[in-house]
Amino acid sequence: MHAKCVIEDNDEAGIRPNKTFLALSNEVGGPSNVGFSEKNLRNYITARLRTSNTCMMTDACGSPYT
């Protein structure tokens, strides 16, 4: 759970994904100990943005704006 919060906070702050991955890998003792790759991190950010854009295009009931 900690990694997701760091990724989301850093993304919102405009910190590049490679710097976020380096910070997380330094925290746990190296990239082999993180449990995911830098590409996985980028895919997570992209998927999160795609979901948030979809949510913004619907009203409170979930129906798309026309």
C-alpha atoms as a PDB file:
ATOM      1  CA  MET A   1       0.000   0.000   0.000  1.00  0.00           C
ATOM      2  CA  HIS A   2       2.878   2.363   0.751  1.00  0.00           C
ATOM      3  CA  ALA A   3       4.231   2.169  -2.809  1.00  0.00           C
ATOM      4  CA  LYS A   4       0.853   3.092  -4.341  1.00  0.00           C
ATOM      5  CA  CYS A   5       0.596   6.171  -2.131  1.00  0.00           C
ATOM      6  CA  VAL A   6       4.129   7.262  -3.000  1.00  0.00           C
ATOM      7  CA  ILE A   7       3.529   6.715  -6.724  1.00  0.00           C
ATOM      8  CA  GLU A   8       0.246   8.640  -6.700  1.00  0.00           C
ATOM      9  CA  ASP A   9       1.611  11.491  -4.566  1.00  0.00           C
ATOM     10  CA  ASN A  10       4.751  11.837  -6.676  1.00  0.00           C
ATOM     11  CA  ASP A  11       2.743  11.741  -9.908  1.00  0.00           C
ATOM     12  CA  GLU A  12       0.434  14.494  -8.653  1.00  0.00           C
ATOM     13  CA  ALA A  13       3.493  16.527  -7.606  1.00  0.00           C
ATOM     14  CA  GLY A  14       4.982  16.177 -11.093  1.00  0.00           C
ATOM     15  CA  ILE A  15       7.894  13.922 -10.116  1.00  0.00           C
ATOM     16  CA  ARG A  16       8.998  11.755 -13.008  1.00  0.00           C
ATOM     17  CA  PRO A  17       8.304   8.003 -12.818  1.00  0.00           C
ATOM     18  CA  ASN A  18      11.992   7.063 -13.048  1.00  0.00           C
ATOM     19  CA  LYS A  19      12.785   9.219  -9.998  1.00  0.00           C
ATOM     20  CA  THR A  20       9.879   7.666  -8.098  1.00  0.00           C
ATOM     21  CA  PHE A  21      11.135   4.171  -8.951  1.00  0.00           C
ATOM     22  CA  LEU A  22      14.670   5.083  -7.852  1.00  0.00           C
ATOM     23  CA  ALA A  23      13.375   6.441  -4.528  1.00  0.00           C
ATOM     24  CA  LEU A  24      11.319   3.296  -3.886  1.00  0.00           C
ATOM     25  CA  SER A  25      14.186   0.996  -4.842  1.00  0.00           C
ATOM     26  CA  ASN A  26      16.616   2.885  -2.570  1.00  0.00           C
ATOM     27  CA  GLU A  27      14.159   2.522   0.277  1.00  0.00           C
ATOM     28  CA  VAL A  28      14.015  -1.272   0.022  1.00  0.00           C
ATOM     29  CA  GLY A  29      17.645  -1.946  -0.832  1.00  0.00           C
ATOM     30  CA  GLY A  30      17.688  -2.121  -4.623  1.00  0.00           C
ATOM     31  CA  PRO A  31      15.485  -2.559  -7.663  1.00  0.00           C
ATOM     32  CA  SER A  32      15.399  -6.339  -7.294  1.00  0.00           C
ATOM     33  CA  ASN A  33      13.634  -5.919  -3.939  1.00  0.00           C
ATOM     34  CA  VAL A  34      10.866  -3.576  -5.133  1.00  0.00           C
ATOM     35  CA  GLY A  35       8.585  -6.291  -6.500  1.00  0.00           C
ATOM     36  CA  PHE A  36       7.752  -4.486  -9.762  1.00  0.00           C
ATOM     37  CA  SER A  37       9.640  -2.855 -12.615  1.00  0.00           C
ATOM     38  CA  GLU A  38       9.817   0.759 -13.716  1.00  0.00           C
ATOM     39  CA  LYS A  39       7.635  -0.202 -16.689  1.00  0.00           C
ATOM     40  CA  ASN A  40       4.981  -1.569 -14.294  1.00  0.00           C
ATOM     41  CA  LEU A  41       5.075   1.764 -12.465  1.00  0.00           C
ATOM     42  CA  ARG A  42       4.540   3.661 -15.725  1.00  0.00           C
ATOM     43  CA  ASN A  43       1.669   1.338 -16.695  1.00  0.00           C
ATOM     44  CA  TYR A  44       0.046   1.899 -13.295  1.00  0.00           C
ATOM     45  CA  ILE A  45       0.220   5.679 -13.723  1.00  0.00           C
ATOM     46  CA  THR A  46      -1.181   5.475 -17.254  1.00  0.00           C
ATOM     47  CA  ALA A  47      -4.040   3.185 -16.175  1.00  0.00           C
ATOM     48  CA  ARG A  48      -4.816   5.467 -13.218  1.00  0.00           C
ATOM     49  CA  LEU A  49      -4.986   8.496 -15.521  1.00  0.00           C
ATOM     50  CA  ARG A  50      -7.210   6.615 -17.969  1.00  0.00           C
ATOM     51  CA  THR A  51      -9.623   5.660 -15.168  1.00  0.00           C
ATOM     52  CA  SER A  52      -9.729   9.175 -13.742  1.00  0.00           C
ATOM     53  CA  ASN A  53     -10.472  10.621 -17.201  1.00  0.00           C
ATOM     54  CA  THR A  54     -13.315   8.121 -17.635  1.00  0.00           C
ATOM     55  CA  CYS A  55     -14.746   9.043 -14.239  1.00  0.00           C
ATOM     56  CA  MET A  56     -14.652  12.746 -15.053  1.00  0.00           C
ATOM     57  CA  MET A  57     -16.694  12.169 -18.192  1.00  0.00           C
ATOM     58  CA  THR A  58     -19.648  10.710 -16.301  1.00  0.00           C
ATOM     59  CA  ASP A  59     -22.144  12.341 -13.968  1.00  0.00           C
ATOM     60  CA  ALA A  60     -22.777  11.289 -10.368  1.00  0.00           C
ATOM     61  CA  CYS A  61     -25.033   8.429 -11.463  1.00  0.00           C
ATOM     62  CA  GLY A  62     -22.422   7.018 -13.812  1.00  0.00           C
ATOM     63  CA  SER A  63     -24.156   8.036 -17.027  1.00  0.00           C
ATOM     64  CA  PRO A  64     -21.975   9.632 -19.681  1.00  0.00           C
ATOM     65  CA  TYR A  65     -22.404  13.314 -20.414  1.00  0.00           C
ATOM     66  CA  THR A  66     -24.033  14.091 -23.723  1.00  0.00           C
END
